[in-house]
Amino acid sequence: VQLVESGGGMVQPGGSLKLSCAASGFTFSRYHMSWYRQAPGKQRDFIAAITTGGVTSYADTAKGRFTISKDNSKNTMYLEMHSLKPEDTAVYSCKAVFPGTIRTYWGQGTQVTVSS
């Protein structure tokens, strides 16, 4: 089982990034997927989620700026981020959860740095 995030990097305030989370080793379409982030010295926070049926939800900090999506044919989830702020700087990780169970997989994360 593997979740591999990519697309992170350094961007100026107001910029955009699109993160990807590529899944392998399990049936991607049967798992609820989500994005979390962890800034240095802080707890890991929920950012956005998408269910097996495509229903999305967002943390308040992400609403209106971030969009979560997935492509089951590519076993990949995305997080499109716009109007980035310095406080969005963090390691972004993806999570997969099999509905109704505690079966959970995490990726290693990708660093996003928003700085001028």
N, C-alpha and C. Protein backbone atom coordinates (compact mmCIF):
# COMPACT_ATOMS: atom_id res chain seq x y z
N VAL A 1 0.85 -1.20 0.00
CA VAL A 1 0.00 0.00 0.00
C VAL A 1 0.88 1.24 0.00
N GLN A 2 0.54 2.16 -0.88
CA GLN A 2 1.31 3.39 -0.95
C GLN A 2 0.42 4.58 -1.29
N LEU A 3 0.69 5.69 -0.60
CA LEU A 3 0.13 6.99 -0.95
C LEU A 3 1.31 7.93 -1.14
N VAL A 4 1.43 8.50 -2.32
CA VAL A 4 2.57 9.35 -2.62
C VAL A 4 2.08 10.73 -3.04
N GLU A 5 2.41 11.72 -2.22
CA GLU A 5 2.03 13.10 -2.53
C GLU A 5 3.10 13.76 -3.40
N SER A 6 2.66 14.68 -4.22
CA SER A 6 3.57 15.45 -5.05
C SER A 6 2.93 16.80 -5.35
N GLY A 7 3.73 17.70 -5.90
CA GLY A 7 3.21 18.99 -6.31
C GLY A 7 3.51 20.13 -5.35
N GLY A 8 4.11 19.81 -4.22
CA GLY A 8 4.45 20.86 -3.29
C GLY A 8 5.62 21.69 -3.79
N GLY A 9 5.92 22.75 -3.06
CA GLY A 9 7.02 23.62 -3.44
C GLY A 9 6.89 24.96 -2.77
N MET A 10 7.65 25.90 -3.29
CA MET A 10 7.62 27.26 -2.74
C MET A 10 6.85 28.16 -3.71
N VAL A 11 5.98 28.96 -3.14
CA VAL A 11 5.17 29.87 -3.95
C VAL A 11 5.01 31.18 -3.20
N GLN A 12 4.84 32.26 -3.93
CA GLN A 12 4.64 33.56 -3.31
C GLN A 12 3.22 33.70 -2.81
N PRO A 13 3.02 34.55 -1.82
CA PRO A 13 1.65 34.81 -1.36
C PRO A 13 0.75 35.22 -2.51
N GLY A 14 -0.45 34.66 -2.50
CA GLY A 14 -1.39 34.90 -3.60
C GLY A 14 -1.28 33.91 -4.72
N GLY A 15 -0.27 33.07 -4.68
CA GLY A 15 -0.05 32.10 -5.73
C GLY A 15 -0.90 30.85 -5.58
N SER A 16 -0.67 29.91 -6.49
CA SER A 16 -1.45 28.67 -6.54
C SER A 16 -0.55 27.46 -6.66
N LEU A 17 -1.05 26.34 -6.17
CA LEU A 17 -0.39 25.05 -6.32
C LEU A 17 -1.45 23.99 -6.46
N LYS A 18 -1.10 22.90 -7.14
CA LYS A 18 -1.99 21.75 -7.21
C LYS A 18 -1.23 20.53 -6.72
N LEU A 19 -1.71 19.96 -5.63
CA LEU A 19 -1.11 18.77 -5.06
C LEU A 19 -1.79 17.52 -5.60
N SER A 20 -1.01 16.45 -5.69
CA SER A 20 -1.54 15.15 -6.10
C SER A 20 -1.22 14.11 -5.05
N CYS A 21 -2.08 13.13 -4.95
CA CYS A 21 -1.86 12.00 -4.06
C CYS A 21 -2.14 10.74 -4.87
N ALA A 22 -1.09 10.04 -5.23
CA ALA A 22 -1.22 8.84 -6.04
C ALA A 22 -1.28 7.61 -5.15
N ALA A 23 -2.30 6.80 -5.35
CA ALA A 23 -2.52 5.63 -4.51
C ALA A 23 -2.19 4.34 -5.26
N SER A 24 -1.71 3.36 -4.51
CA SER A 24 -1.46 2.04 -5.08
C SER A 24 -1.56 1.01 -3.99
N GLY A 25 -1.86 -0.22 -4.39
CA GLY A 25 -1.90 -1.31 -3.43
C GLY A 25 -3.23 -1.52 -2.75
N PHE A 26 -4.22 -0.71 -3.08
CA PHE A 26 -5.56 -0.91 -2.54
C PHE A 26 -6.58 -0.35 -3.54
N THR A 27 -7.84 -0.67 -3.32
CA THR A 27 -8.89 -0.23 -4.25
C THR A 27 -9.27 1.20 -3.94
N PHE A 28 -8.64 2.12 -4.61
CA PHE A 28 -8.76 3.55 -4.34
C PHE A 28 -10.21 4.01 -4.29
N SER A 29 -11.01 3.56 -5.23
CA SER A 29 -12.38 4.06 -5.35
C SER A 29 -13.27 3.68 -4.17
N ARG A 30 -12.83 2.74 -3.37
CA ARG A 30 -13.64 2.28 -2.23
C ARG A 30 -13.26 2.96 -0.92
N TYR A 31 -12.34 3.90 -0.98
CA TYR A 31 -11.86 4.59 0.21
C TYR A 31 -12.26 6.07 0.21
N HIS A 32 -12.66 6.54 1.38
CA HIS A 32 -12.79 7.98 1.57
C HIS A 32 -11.38 8.56 1.63
N MET A 33 -11.19 9.72 0.99
CA MET A 33 -9.87 10.32 0.91
C MET A 33 -9.89 11.71 1.52
N SER A 34 -8.77 12.13 2.07
CA SER A 34 -8.72 13.46 2.66
C SER A 34 -7.30 14.01 2.65
N TRP A 35 -7.24 15.31 2.83
CA TRP A 35 -5.97 16.03 2.95
C TRP A 35 -5.86 16.62 4.36
N TYR A 36 -4.66 16.55 4.90
CA TYR A 36 -4.33 17.16 6.18
C TYR A 36 -3.05 17.96 5.99
N ARG A 37 -2.79 18.84 6.92
CA ARG A 37 -1.52 19.56 6.89
C ARG A 37 -1.00 19.75 8.31
N GLN A 38 0.32 19.87 8.40
CA GLN A 38 0.96 20.08 9.69
C GLN A 38 2.06 21.10 9.54
N ALA A 39 1.89 22.22 10.24
CA ALA A 39 2.91 23.26 10.25
C ALA A 39 3.90 22.95 11.37
N PRO A 40 5.11 23.48 11.27
CA PRO A 40 6.12 23.22 12.30
C PRO A 40 5.62 23.58 13.70
N GLY A 41 5.74 22.65 14.62
CA GLY A 41 5.36 22.92 15.99
C GLY A 41 3.88 22.90 16.27
N LYS A 42 3.08 22.51 15.27
CA LYS A 42 1.63 22.51 15.44
C LYS A 42 1.07 21.12 15.18
N GLN A 43 -0.16 20.92 15.58
CA GLN A 43 -0.82 19.64 15.34
C GLN A 43 -1.23 19.53 13.88
N ARG A 44 -1.49 18.28 13.48
CA ARG A 44 -1.95 18.06 12.12
C ARG A 44 -3.43 18.43 12.03
N ASP A 45 -3.77 19.20 11.02
CA ASP A 45 -5.13 19.71 10.88
C ASP A 45 -5.79 19.18 9.61
N PHE A 46 -7.07 18.93 9.71
CA PHE A 46 -7.88 18.54 8.56
C PHE A 46 -8.02 19.71 7.60
N ILE A 47 -7.93 19.42 6.29
CA ILE A 47 -8.10 20.45 5.29
C ILE A 47 -9.34 20.19 4.43
N ALA A 48 -9.42 19.00 3.85
CA ALA A 48 -10.53 18.70 2.95
C ALA A 48 -10.68 17.20 2.81
N ALA A 49 -11.89 16.78 2.46
CA ALA A 49 -12.16 15.36 2.28
C ALA A 49 -13.09 15.14 1.10
N ILE A 50 -13.01 13.94 0.54
CA ILE A 50 -13.91 13.55 -0.54
C ILE A 50 -14.29 12.09 -0.32
N THR A 51 -15.58 11.82 -0.35
CA THR A 51 -16.04 10.48 -0.07
C THR A 51 -15.95 9.60 -1.31
N THR A 52 -16.25 8.33 -1.12
CA THR A 52 -16.27 7.42 -2.26
C THR A 52 -17.26 7.89 -3.31
N GLY A 53 -18.31 8.55 -2.88
CA GLY A 53 -19.33 9.04 -3.80
C GLY A 53 -19.06 10.42 -4.35
N GLY A 54 -17.96 11.02 -3.95
CA GLY A 54 -17.59 12.33 -4.48
C GLY A 54 -18.10 13.52 -3.69
N VAL A 55 -18.65 13.27 -2.51
CA VAL A 55 -19.11 14.38 -1.67
C VAL A 55 -17.89 15.00 -0.99
N THR A 56 -17.80 16.31 -1.05
CA THR A 56 -16.64 17.00 -0.52
C THR A 56 -16.97 17.80 0.74
N SER A 57 -15.96 18.00 1.56
CA SER A 57 -16.09 18.84 2.74
C SER A 57 -14.76 19.54 2.97
N TYR A 58 -14.83 20.72 3.62
CA TYR A 58 -13.64 21.54 3.79
C TYR A 58 -13.58 22.13 5.19
N ALA A 59 -12.36 22.32 5.66
CA ALA A 59 -12.15 23.13 6.85
C ALA A 59 -12.43 24.58 6.48
N ASP A 60 -12.80 25.37 7.47
CA ASP A 60 -13.13 26.78 7.20
C ASP A 60 -11.97 27.49 6.50
N THR A 61 -10.75 27.15 6.89
CA THR A 61 -9.59 27.83 6.32
C THR A 61 -9.39 27.53 4.84
N ALA A 62 -10.01 26.45 4.37
CA ALA A 62 -9.84 26.04 2.98
C ALA A 62 -11.01 26.46 2.09
N LYS A 63 -12.14 26.74 2.67
CA LYS A 63 -13.34 27.06 1.89
C LYS A 63 -13.11 28.28 1.01
N GLY A 64 -13.47 28.13 -0.25
CA GLY A 64 -13.35 29.24 -1.19
C GLY A 64 -11.98 29.38 -1.81
N ARG A 65 -10.99 28.70 -1.26
CA ARG A 65 -9.62 28.80 -1.81
C ARG A 65 -9.09 27.47 -2.33
N PHE A 66 -9.49 26.38 -1.68
CA PHE A 66 -9.00 25.05 -2.04
C PHE A 66 -10.12 24.20 -2.64
N THR A 67 -9.75 23.33 -3.56
CA THR A 67 -10.71 22.40 -4.16
C THR A 67 -10.12 21.00 -4.15
N ILE A 68 -10.85 20.08 -3.56
CA ILE A 68 -10.43 18.68 -3.54
C ILE A 68 -11.16 17.95 -4.66
N SER A 69 -10.45 17.03 -5.30
CA SER A 69 -11.07 16.22 -6.35
C SER A 69 -10.33 14.91 -6.45
N LYS A 70 -10.86 13.99 -7.23
CA LYS A 70 -10.17 12.72 -7.43
C LYS A 70 -10.51 12.16 -8.79
N ASP A 71 -9.63 11.30 -9.27
CA ASP A 71 -9.83 10.60 -10.53
C ASP A 71 -9.65 9.13 -10.25
N ASN A 72 -10.75 8.41 -10.13
CA ASN A 72 -10.66 6.98 -9.79
C ASN A 72 -9.93 6.19 -10.88
N SER A 73 -10.02 6.64 -12.11
CA SER A 73 -9.34 5.92 -13.20
C SER A 73 -7.83 6.04 -13.10
N LYS A 74 -7.37 7.07 -12.39
CA LYS A 74 -5.92 7.27 -12.21
C LYS A 74 -5.49 6.99 -10.77
N ASN A 75 -6.43 6.56 -9.94
CA ASN A 75 -6.11 6.29 -8.52
C ASN A 75 -5.41 7.49 -7.88
N THR A 76 -5.90 8.66 -8.17
CA THR A 76 -5.24 9.87 -7.72
C THR A 76 -6.24 10.89 -7.18
N MET A 77 -5.85 11.53 -6.10
CA MET A 77 -6.62 12.61 -5.51
C MET A 77 -5.83 13.89 -5.67
N TYR A 78 -6.55 15.01 -5.73
CA TYR A 78 -5.90 16.29 -5.94
C TYR A 78 -6.36 17.32 -4.90
N LEU A 79 -5.52 18.32 -4.70
CA LEU A 79 -5.90 19.48 -3.91
C LEU A 79 -5.40 20.71 -4.66
N GLU A 80 -6.33 21.46 -5.22
CA GLU A 80 -5.99 22.67 -5.93
C GLU A 80 -6.10 23.83 -4.94
N MET A 81 -5.02 24.58 -4.81
CA MET A 81 -4.96 25.64 -3.82
C MET A 81 -4.70 26.98 -4.49
N HIS A 82 -5.52 27.95 -4.16
CA HIS A 82 -5.37 29.30 -4.71
C HIS A 82 -5.29 30.32 -3.57
N SER A 83 -4.87 31.54 -3.93
CA SER A 83 -4.78 32.63 -2.94
C SER A 83 -4.01 32.18 -1.71
N LEU A 84 -2.89 31.55 -1.94
CA LEU A 84 -2.12 31.00 -0.82
C LEU A 84 -1.56 32.10 0.06
N LYS A 85 -1.51 31.78 1.36
CA LYS A 85 -1.04 32.72 2.38
C LYS A 85 0.15 32.11 3.09
N PRO A 86 0.99 32.92 3.71
CA PRO A 86 2.11 32.37 4.47
C PRO A 86 1.67 31.34 5.52
N GLU A 87 0.51 31.54 6.09
CA GLU A 87 0.02 30.60 7.11
C GLU A 87 -0.43 29.26 6.52
N ASP A 88 -0.42 29.13 5.20
CA ASP A 88 -0.70 27.85 4.57
C ASP A 88 0.56 26.98 4.51
N THR A 89 1.68 27.54 4.89
CA THR A 89 2.93 26.78 4.89
C THR A 89 2.84 25.60 5.83
N ALA A 90 3.10 24.41 5.30
CA ALA A 90 2.97 23.18 6.08
C ALA A 90 3.37 21.99 5.22
N VAL A 91 3.45 20.84 5.86
CA VAL A 91 3.55 19.58 5.14
C VAL A 91 2.13 19.07 4.92
N TYR A 92 1.79 18.82 3.68
CA TYR A 92 0.45 18.37 3.31
C TYR A 92 0.50 16.86 3.06
N SER A 93 -0.41 16.16 3.73
CA SER A 93 -0.45 14.70 3.63
C SER A 93 -1.84 14.23 3.24
N CYS A 94 -1.88 13.11 2.54
CA CYS A 94 -3.17 12.53 2.20
C CYS A 94 -3.45 11.29 3.03
N LYS A 95 -4.72 11.03 3.23
CA LYS A 95 -5.16 9.91 4.04
C LYS A 95 -6.26 9.16 3.32
N ALA A 96 -6.24 7.85 3.46
CA ALA A 96 -7.28 7.00 2.91
C ALA A 96 -7.92 6.21 4.05
N VAL A 97 -9.23 6.17 4.09
CA VAL A 97 -9.95 5.43 5.12
C VAL A 97 -11.02 4.56 4.47
N PHE A 98 -11.03 3.28 4.84
CA PHE A 98 -12.08 2.41 4.32
C PHE A 98 -13.33 2.67 5.13
N PRO A 99 -14.42 3.00 4.50
CA PRO A 99 -15.64 3.39 5.22
C PRO A 99 -16.08 2.37 6.26
N GLY A 100 -16.40 2.85 7.45
CA GLY A 100 -16.93 1.98 8.50
C GLY A 100 -15.89 1.17 9.22
N THR A 101 -14.63 1.42 8.94
CA THR A 101 -13.55 0.69 9.60
C THR A 101 -12.49 1.67 10.10
N ILE A 102 -11.52 1.11 10.78
CA ILE A 102 -10.38 1.94 11.21
C ILE A 102 -9.20 1.75 10.27
N ARG A 103 -9.43 1.07 9.15
CA ARG A 103 -8.35 0.83 8.20
C ARG A 103 -7.98 2.16 7.54
N THR A 104 -6.76 2.60 7.84
CA THR A 104 -6.32 3.93 7.43
C THR A 104 -4.91 3.87 6.88
N TYR A 105 -4.69 4.61 5.80
CA TYR A 105 -3.35 4.73 5.22
C TYR A 105 -3.00 6.20 5.10
N TRP A 106 -1.73 6.50 5.32
CA TRP A 106 -1.23 7.88 5.21
C TRP A 106 -0.07 7.93 4.22
N GLY A 107 0.03 9.06 3.57
CA GLY A 107 1.20 9.33 2.76
C GLY A 107 2.27 10.01 3.59
N GLN A 108 3.44 10.22 2.97
CA GLN A 108 4.56 10.82 3.69
C GLN A 108 4.49 12.33 3.72
N GLY A 109 3.76 12.91 2.80
CA GLY A 109 3.59 14.35 2.80
C GLY A 109 4.45 15.07 1.77
N THR A 110 4.01 16.26 1.43
CA THR A 110 4.76 17.13 0.54
C THR A 110 4.77 18.53 1.13
N GLN A 111 5.93 19.16 1.08
CA GLN A 111 6.09 20.47 1.72
C GLN A 111 5.55 21.58 0.82
N VAL A 112 4.75 22.44 1.42
CA VAL A 112 4.28 23.65 0.75
C VAL A 112 4.78 24.84 1.55
N THR A 113 5.49 25.73 0.89
CA THR A 113 6.01 26.93 1.55
C THR A 113 5.51 28.16 0.80
N VAL A 114 4.85 29.03 1.54
CA VAL A 114 4.33 30.26 0.95
C VAL A 114 5.12 31.42 1.54
N SER A 115 5.92 32.03 0.71
CA SER A 115 6.82 33.09 1.20
C SER A 115 7.21 34.00 0.05
N SER A 116 7.42 35.25 0.41
CA SER A 116 7.89 36.21 -0.58
C SER A 116 9.41 36.33 -0.53
